[in-house]
N, C-alpha and C. Protein backbone atom coordinates (compact mmCIF):
# COMPACT_ATOMS: atom_id res chain seq x y z
N UNK A 1 61.42 -70.94 30.81
CA UNK A 1 60.51 -71.97 30.35
C UNK A 1 59.46 -71.32 29.45
N UNK A 2 59.08 -72.03 28.40
CA UNK A 2 58.05 -71.56 27.47
C UNK A 2 56.70 -71.47 28.19
N UNK A 3 55.87 -70.52 27.78
CA UNK A 3 54.59 -70.35 28.45
C UNK A 3 53.65 -71.53 28.23
N UNK A 4 53.68 -72.14 27.05
CA UNK A 4 52.80 -73.30 26.83
C UNK A 4 53.19 -74.47 27.73
N UNK A 5 54.47 -74.66 27.93
CA UNK A 5 54.94 -75.72 28.82
C UNK A 5 54.64 -75.38 30.28
N UNK A 6 54.79 -74.12 30.66
CA UNK A 6 54.49 -73.71 32.02
C UNK A 6 53.02 -73.96 32.37
N UNK A 7 52.11 -73.63 31.45
CA UNK A 7 50.69 -73.85 31.70
C UNK A 7 50.38 -75.34 31.86
N UNK A 8 51.07 -76.18 31.12
CA UNK A 8 50.88 -77.63 31.24
C UNK A 8 51.48 -78.15 32.55
N UNK A 9 52.69 -77.73 32.87
CA UNK A 9 53.38 -78.21 34.08
C UNK A 9 52.61 -77.82 35.34
N UNK A 10 52.03 -76.63 35.36
CA UNK A 10 51.28 -76.18 36.54
C UNK A 10 49.92 -76.82 36.65
N UNK A 11 49.46 -77.46 35.59
CA UNK A 11 48.15 -78.09 35.61
C UNK A 11 47.01 -77.13 35.31
N UNK A 12 47.32 -75.90 34.95
CA UNK A 12 46.26 -74.95 34.61
C UNK A 12 45.54 -75.38 33.33
N UNK A 13 46.29 -75.96 32.40
CA UNK A 13 45.71 -76.56 31.20
C UNK A 13 46.24 -77.98 31.11
N UNK A 14 45.42 -78.88 30.60
CA UNK A 14 45.73 -80.30 30.68
C UNK A 14 46.93 -80.74 29.84
N UNK A 15 47.03 -80.22 28.61
CA UNK A 15 48.14 -80.62 27.75
C UNK A 15 48.81 -79.40 27.14
N UNK A 16 50.00 -79.63 26.60
CA UNK A 16 50.74 -78.55 25.96
C UNK A 16 50.05 -78.12 24.67
N UNK A 17 49.43 -79.05 23.95
CA UNK A 17 48.73 -78.67 22.70
C UNK A 17 47.49 -77.83 23.01
N UNK A 18 46.78 -78.12 24.10
CA UNK A 18 45.65 -77.28 24.51
C UNK A 18 46.15 -75.89 24.87
N UNK A 19 47.28 -75.83 25.55
CA UNK A 19 47.87 -74.54 25.92
C UNK A 19 48.26 -73.75 24.67
N UNK A 20 48.85 -74.42 23.69
CA UNK A 20 49.26 -73.74 22.45
C UNK A 20 48.03 -73.21 21.70
N UNK A 21 46.94 -73.98 21.68
CA UNK A 21 45.71 -73.51 21.03
C UNK A 21 45.11 -72.32 21.75
N UNK A 22 45.13 -72.36 23.08
CA UNK A 22 44.61 -71.24 23.86
C UNK A 22 45.43 -69.97 23.61
N UNK A 23 46.74 -70.14 23.52
CA UNK A 23 47.62 -68.99 23.26
C UNK A 23 47.37 -68.42 21.87
N UNK A 24 47.29 -69.29 20.87
CA UNK A 24 47.09 -68.80 19.50
C UNK A 24 45.72 -68.18 19.30
N UNK A 25 44.74 -68.56 20.11
CA UNK A 25 43.40 -67.98 19.98
C UNK A 25 43.26 -66.67 20.76
N UNK A 26 44.30 -66.30 21.51
CA UNK A 26 44.28 -65.03 22.24
C UNK A 26 43.73 -65.13 23.64
N UNK A 27 43.60 -66.34 24.17
CA UNK A 27 43.04 -66.54 25.50
C UNK A 27 44.08 -66.40 26.61
N UNK A 28 45.34 -66.13 26.25
CA UNK A 28 46.41 -66.02 27.23
C UNK A 28 47.16 -64.71 27.02
N UNK A 29 47.36 -63.97 28.12
CA UNK A 29 48.16 -62.75 28.10
C UNK A 29 49.31 -62.92 29.08
N UNK A 30 50.47 -62.43 28.72
CA UNK A 30 51.64 -62.45 29.60
C UNK A 30 52.02 -61.00 29.86
N UNK A 31 51.96 -60.61 31.11
CA UNK A 31 52.25 -59.23 31.53
C UNK A 31 51.43 -58.21 30.73
N UNK A 32 50.16 -58.56 30.47
CA UNK A 32 49.23 -57.64 29.83
C UNK A 32 49.26 -57.62 28.32
N UNK A 33 50.05 -58.47 27.70
CA UNK A 33 50.15 -58.49 26.24
C UNK A 33 49.92 -59.90 25.70
N UNK A 34 49.29 -60.02 24.52
CA UNK A 34 49.16 -61.33 23.89
C UNK A 34 50.55 -61.86 23.56
N UNK A 35 50.70 -63.18 23.57
CA UNK A 35 52.02 -63.78 23.37
C UNK A 35 51.95 -64.94 22.38
N UNK A 36 53.12 -65.42 22.02
CA UNK A 36 53.25 -66.66 21.25
C UNK A 36 53.57 -67.78 22.23
N UNK A 37 53.39 -69.02 21.80
CA UNK A 37 53.62 -70.18 22.67
C UNK A 37 55.07 -70.27 23.13
N UNK A 38 55.99 -69.67 22.39
CA UNK A 38 57.40 -69.76 22.73
C UNK A 38 57.87 -68.66 23.68
N UNK A 39 56.96 -67.78 24.11
CA UNK A 39 57.35 -66.69 25.01
C UNK A 39 57.87 -67.26 26.33
N UNK A 40 58.90 -66.62 26.87
CA UNK A 40 59.52 -67.10 28.10
C UNK A 40 58.79 -66.58 29.33
N UNK A 41 58.57 -67.47 30.28
CA UNK A 41 57.96 -67.11 31.56
C UNK A 41 59.09 -66.95 32.57
N UNK A 42 59.02 -65.88 33.34
CA UNK A 42 60.04 -65.62 34.36
C UNK A 42 59.37 -65.43 35.71
N UNK A 43 60.13 -65.55 36.77
CA UNK A 43 59.59 -65.29 38.10
C UNK A 43 59.08 -63.86 38.16
N UNK A 44 57.86 -63.69 38.66
CA UNK A 44 57.24 -62.37 38.75
C UNK A 44 56.34 -62.04 37.58
N UNK A 45 56.32 -62.88 36.54
CA UNK A 45 55.44 -62.65 35.39
C UNK A 45 53.98 -62.81 35.82
N UNK A 46 53.10 -62.07 35.15
CA UNK A 46 51.67 -62.18 35.41
C UNK A 46 51.01 -62.76 34.17
N UNK A 47 50.28 -63.85 34.36
CA UNK A 47 49.61 -64.54 33.26
C UNK A 47 48.11 -64.47 33.47
N UNK A 48 47.39 -63.99 32.46
CA UNK A 48 45.93 -63.98 32.47
C UNK A 48 45.47 -65.03 31.48
N UNK A 49 44.60 -65.92 31.91
CA UNK A 49 44.20 -67.08 31.11
C UNK A 49 42.69 -67.26 31.16
N UNK A 50 42.08 -67.46 29.99
CA UNK A 50 40.68 -67.88 29.93
C UNK A 50 40.69 -69.36 29.61
N UNK A 51 40.24 -70.17 30.56
CA UNK A 51 40.23 -71.63 30.40
C UNK A 51 39.12 -72.05 29.44
N UNK A 52 39.20 -73.25 28.89
CA UNK A 52 38.16 -73.74 27.98
C UNK A 52 36.76 -73.77 28.59
N UNK A 53 36.66 -73.89 29.92
CA UNK A 53 35.34 -73.89 30.56
C UNK A 53 34.81 -72.49 30.82
N UNK A 54 35.56 -71.46 30.41
CA UNK A 54 35.12 -70.08 30.54
C UNK A 54 35.65 -69.36 31.76
N UNK A 55 36.30 -70.09 32.66
CA UNK A 55 36.86 -69.48 33.86
C UNK A 55 38.02 -68.57 33.48
N UNK A 56 38.05 -67.37 34.04
CA UNK A 56 39.14 -66.41 33.80
C UNK A 56 39.99 -66.37 35.06
N UNK A 57 41.29 -66.61 34.93
CA UNK A 57 42.18 -66.65 36.07
C UNK A 57 43.44 -65.84 35.76
N UNK A 58 43.88 -65.09 36.75
CA UNK A 58 45.12 -64.32 36.63
C UNK A 58 46.05 -64.81 37.73
N UNK A 59 47.27 -65.17 37.32
CA UNK A 59 48.24 -65.69 38.28
C UNK A 59 49.55 -64.90 38.21
N UNK A 60 50.29 -64.96 39.31
CA UNK A 60 51.64 -64.41 39.34
C UNK A 60 52.59 -65.57 39.54
N UNK A 61 53.60 -65.66 38.69
CA UNK A 61 54.56 -66.76 38.73
C UNK A 61 55.51 -66.55 39.91
N UNK A 62 55.54 -67.54 40.82
CA UNK A 62 56.44 -67.48 41.97
C UNK A 62 57.74 -68.22 41.70
N UNK A 63 57.65 -69.37 41.01
CA UNK A 63 58.81 -70.20 40.72
C UNK A 63 58.67 -70.78 39.33
N UNK A 64 59.73 -70.71 38.55
CA UNK A 64 59.76 -71.38 37.26
C UNK A 64 60.52 -72.69 37.48
N UNK A 65 59.84 -73.84 37.29
CA UNK A 65 60.49 -75.12 37.57
C UNK A 65 61.65 -75.39 36.62
N UNK A 66 62.63 -76.09 37.13
CA UNK A 66 63.81 -76.42 36.33
C UNK A 66 63.56 -77.61 35.41
N UNK A 67 62.56 -78.42 35.74
CA UNK A 67 62.27 -79.61 34.94
C UNK A 67 60.83 -79.56 34.43
N UNK A 68 60.53 -80.47 33.51
CA UNK A 68 59.19 -80.56 32.94
C UNK A 68 58.25 -81.37 33.83
N UNK A 69 58.78 -82.03 34.82
CA UNK A 69 57.96 -82.86 35.70
C UNK A 69 57.87 -82.26 37.09
N UNK A 70 56.66 -81.94 37.50
CA UNK A 70 56.41 -81.40 38.83
C UNK A 70 55.27 -82.23 39.42
N UNK A 71 55.41 -82.65 40.66
CA UNK A 71 54.37 -83.46 41.28
C UNK A 71 53.10 -82.64 41.46
N UNK A 72 51.97 -83.32 41.48
CA UNK A 72 50.68 -82.63 41.60
C UNK A 72 50.60 -81.79 42.87
N UNK A 73 51.14 -82.29 43.96
CA UNK A 73 51.05 -81.55 45.22
C UNK A 73 51.93 -80.30 45.22
N UNK A 74 52.95 -80.26 44.38
CA UNK A 74 53.86 -79.10 44.34
C UNK A 74 53.46 -78.06 43.30
N UNK A 75 52.49 -78.36 42.44
CA UNK A 75 52.12 -77.46 41.35
C UNK A 75 51.63 -76.11 41.83
N UNK A 76 50.81 -76.09 42.87
CA UNK A 76 50.24 -74.81 43.32
C UNK A 76 51.28 -73.90 43.97
N UNK A 77 52.43 -74.43 44.33
CA UNK A 77 53.50 -73.61 44.90
C UNK A 77 54.24 -72.81 43.82
N UNK A 78 53.98 -73.12 42.55
CA UNK A 78 54.66 -72.43 41.45
C UNK A 78 54.05 -71.07 41.15
N UNK A 79 52.79 -70.86 41.56
CA UNK A 79 52.11 -69.61 41.23
C UNK A 79 51.17 -69.20 42.35
N UNK A 80 50.78 -67.93 42.30
CA UNK A 80 49.81 -67.38 43.25
C UNK A 80 48.64 -66.84 42.45
N UNK A 81 47.41 -67.20 42.80
CA UNK A 81 46.24 -66.71 42.10
C UNK A 81 45.97 -65.28 42.54
N UNK A 82 46.00 -64.35 41.58
CA UNK A 82 45.76 -62.94 41.86
C UNK A 82 44.27 -62.65 41.76
N UNK A 83 43.63 -63.22 40.74
CA UNK A 83 42.20 -62.97 40.51
C UNK A 83 41.59 -64.17 39.81
N UNK A 84 40.36 -64.49 40.18
CA UNK A 84 39.65 -65.61 39.56
C UNK A 84 38.20 -65.21 39.34
N UNK A 85 37.73 -65.42 38.10
CA UNK A 85 36.34 -65.17 37.74
C UNK A 85 35.77 -66.44 37.15
N UNK A 86 34.72 -66.95 37.76
CA UNK A 86 34.07 -68.12 37.20
C UNK A 86 32.89 -67.66 36.38
N UNK A 87 32.68 -68.31 35.26
CA UNK A 87 31.56 -67.96 34.38
C UNK A 87 30.27 -68.42 35.04
N UNK A 88 29.27 -67.55 35.04
CA UNK A 88 27.97 -67.90 35.60
C UNK A 88 27.23 -68.84 34.67
N UNK A 89 26.72 -69.92 35.23
CA UNK A 89 25.93 -70.87 34.45
C UNK A 89 24.46 -70.66 34.78
N UNK A 90 23.64 -70.67 33.76
CA UNK A 90 22.21 -70.49 33.99
C UNK A 90 21.48 -71.79 33.91
């Protein structure tokens, strides 16, 4: 599955176009390297993402879904959060 679609399906980013913009701006790394939106995500991949709100999250892919539709309750089973940094607000 493409990384932009994976980010959308998991709910980490709201839409695929937001995911593509985040990837092209360099806010997403796959296994420690910047990627293109078409890069393939595999089980065991590590994705580091800076969300639009400034939160930095690193996840490990546990399952790559076979379809584009995943229920909201099943989304968190697709990945494991390795590290999370929230931006401090003053």
